[in-house]
Amino acid sequence: MADGPVKMVLEFVPRIDRRLENVETVAVDMRARLHSLEEQVALMRQDVVRIDHRMDRFDEHLQRIEKRLELTEA
């Protein structure tokens, strides 16, 4: 009588093991994709910082031009 449940468990163990291997494979793939996304976000942040810095320089340049042309209010 106990032989039946043991046999069923032994039949399911390899199937569970295969599914676990599939889950592990997917997890490794997702980890790599997440790492790639993190790198891309970091690069985008660097781009935003560069653009912000450049906009600040344009603003300073524009202020100097306005001052020279006396377009600013005193």
C-alpha atoms as a PDB file:
ATOM      1  CA  MET A   1       0.000   0.000   0.000  1.00  0.00           C
ATOM      2  CA  ALA A   2       2.824   2.418   0.802  1.00  0.00           C
ATOM      3  CA  ASP A   3       4.492   1.367  -2.432  1.00  0.00           C
ATOM      4  CA  GLY A   4       1.917   3.281  -4.521  1.00  0.00           C
ATOM      5  CA  PRO A   5       2.520   6.773  -3.052  1.00  0.00           C
ATOM      6  CA  VAL A   6       6.290   6.283  -3.091  1.00  0.00           C
ATOM      7  CA  LYS A   7       6.152   5.257  -6.742  1.00  0.00           C
ATOM      8  CA  MET A   8       4.057   8.340  -7.569  1.00  0.00           C
ATOM      9  CA  VAL A   9       6.503  10.615  -5.774  1.00  0.00           C
ATOM     10  CA  LEU A  10       9.435   9.030  -7.589  1.00  0.00           C
ATOM     11  CA  GLU A  11       7.660   9.608 -10.904  1.00  0.00           C
ATOM     12  CA  PHE A  12       7.047  13.279 -10.133  1.00  0.00           C
ATOM     13  CA  VAL A  13      10.545  14.113  -8.859  1.00  0.00           C
ATOM     14  CA  PRO A  14      12.231  14.117 -12.312  1.00  0.00           C
ATOM     15  CA  ARG A  15       9.400  16.240 -13.746  1.00  0.00           C
ATOM     16  CA  ILE A  16       9.712  18.712 -10.893  1.00  0.00           C
ATOM     17  CA  ASP A  17      13.480  18.756 -11.365  1.00  0.00           C
ATOM     18  CA  ARG A  18      13.114  19.569 -15.095  1.00  0.00           C
ATOM     19  CA  ARG A  19      10.672  22.358 -14.343  1.00  0.00           C
ATOM     20  CA  LEU A  20      13.016  23.760 -11.720  1.00  0.00           C
ATOM     21  CA  GLU A  21      15.849  23.751 -14.260  1.00  0.00           C
ATOM     22  CA  ASN A  22      13.597  25.684 -16.662  1.00  0.00           C
ATOM     23  CA  VAL A  23      12.793  28.218 -13.946  1.00  0.00           C
ATOM     24  CA  GLU A  24      16.496  28.618 -13.177  1.00  0.00           C
ATOM     25  CA  THR A  25      17.264  29.149 -16.876  1.00  0.00           C
ATOM     26  CA  VAL A  26      14.571  31.803 -17.149  1.00  0.00           C
ATOM     27  CA  ALA A  27      15.827  33.479 -13.961  1.00  0.00           C
ATOM     28  CA  VAL A  28      19.379  33.661 -15.331  1.00  0.00           C
ATOM     29  CA  ASP A  29      18.077  35.156 -18.584  1.00  0.00           C
ATOM     30  CA  MET A  30      15.933  37.685 -16.743  1.00  0.00           C
ATOM     31  CA  ARG A  31      18.849  38.652 -14.509  1.00  0.00           C
ATOM     32  CA  ALA A  32      20.990  39.333 -17.587  1.00  0.00           C
ATOM     33  CA  ARG A  33      18.217  41.368 -19.205  1.00  0.00           C
ATOM     34  CA  LEU A  34      17.687  43.356 -16.001  1.00  0.00           C
ATOM     35  CA  HIS A  35      21.407  44.092 -15.816  1.00  0.00           C
ATOM     36  CA  SER A  36      21.302  45.337 -19.402  1.00  0.00           C
ATOM     37  CA  LEU A  37      18.350  47.599 -18.593  1.00  0.00           C
ATOM     38  CA  GLU A  38      20.158  48.973 -15.540  1.00  0.00           C
ATOM     39  CA  GLU A  39      23.161  49.829 -17.693  1.00  0.00           C
ATOM     40  CA  GLN A  40      20.935  51.552 -20.252  1.00  0.00           C
ATOM     41  CA  VAL A  41      19.201  53.601 -17.547  1.00  0.00           C
ATOM     42  CA  ALA A  42      22.588  54.638 -16.143  1.00  0.00           C
ATOM     43  CA  LEU A  43      23.684  55.779 -19.607  1.00  0.00           C
ATOM     44  CA  MET A  44      20.443  57.711 -20.058  1.00  0.00           C
ATOM     45  CA  ARG A  45      21.023  59.462 -16.728  1.00  0.00           C
ATOM     46  CA  GLN A  46      24.495  60.460 -17.876  1.00  0.00           C
ATOM     47  CA  ASP A  47      22.985  61.850 -21.072  1.00  0.00           C
ATOM     48  CA  VAL A  48      20.460  63.879 -19.082  1.00  0.00           C
ATOM     49  CA  VAL A  49      23.236  65.311 -16.905  1.00  0.00           C
ATOM     50  CA  ARG A  50      25.238  66.274 -20.007  1.00  0.00           C
ATOM     51  CA  ILE A  51      22.199  67.896 -21.614  1.00  0.00           C
ATOM     52  CA  ASP A  52      21.404  69.773 -18.402  1.00  0.00           C
ATOM     53  CA  HIS A  53      24.978  71.043 -18.184  1.00  0.00           C
ATOM     54  CA  ARG A  54      24.885  72.136 -21.806  1.00  0.00           C
ATOM     55  CA  MET A  55      21.563  73.925 -21.300  1.00  0.00           C
ATOM     56  CA  ASP A  56      23.101  75.789 -18.351  1.00  0.00           C
ATOM     57  CA  ARG A  57      25.958  76.932 -20.584  1.00  0.00           C
ATOM     58  CA  PHE A  58      23.473  78.072 -23.259  1.00  0.00           C
ATOM     59  CA  ASP A  59      21.555  80.002 -20.610  1.00  0.00           C
ATOM     60  CA  GLU A  60      24.740  81.718 -19.403  1.00  0.00           C
ATOM     61  CA  HIS A  61      25.677  82.545 -22.972  1.00  0.00           C
ATOM     62  CA  LEU A  62      22.208  83.955 -23.678  1.00  0.00           C
ATOM     63  CA  GLN A  63      22.357  86.097 -20.545  1.00  0.00           C
ATOM     64  CA  ARG A  64      25.690  87.572 -21.650  1.00  0.00           C
ATOM     65  CA  ILE A  65      24.240  88.352 -25.093  1.00  0.00           C
ATOM     66  CA  GLU A  66      21.156  89.987 -23.582  1.00  0.00           C
ATOM     67  CA  LYS A  67      23.346  92.031 -21.261  1.00  0.00           C
ATOM     68  CA  ARG A  68      25.529  93.213 -24.136  1.00  0.00           C
ATOM     69  CA  LEU A  69      22.504  94.182 -26.191  1.00  0.00           C
ATOM     70  CA  GLU A  70      20.920  95.770 -23.140  1.00  0.00           C
ATOM     71  CA  LEU A  71      17.844  93.572 -23.446  1.00  0.00           C
ATOM     72  CA  THR A  72      17.653  92.741 -19.747  1.00  0.00           C
ATOM     73  CA  GLU A  73      15.745  94.722 -17.184  1.00  0.00           C
ATOM     74  CA  ALA A  74      17.949  96.339 -14.591  1.00  0.00           C
END
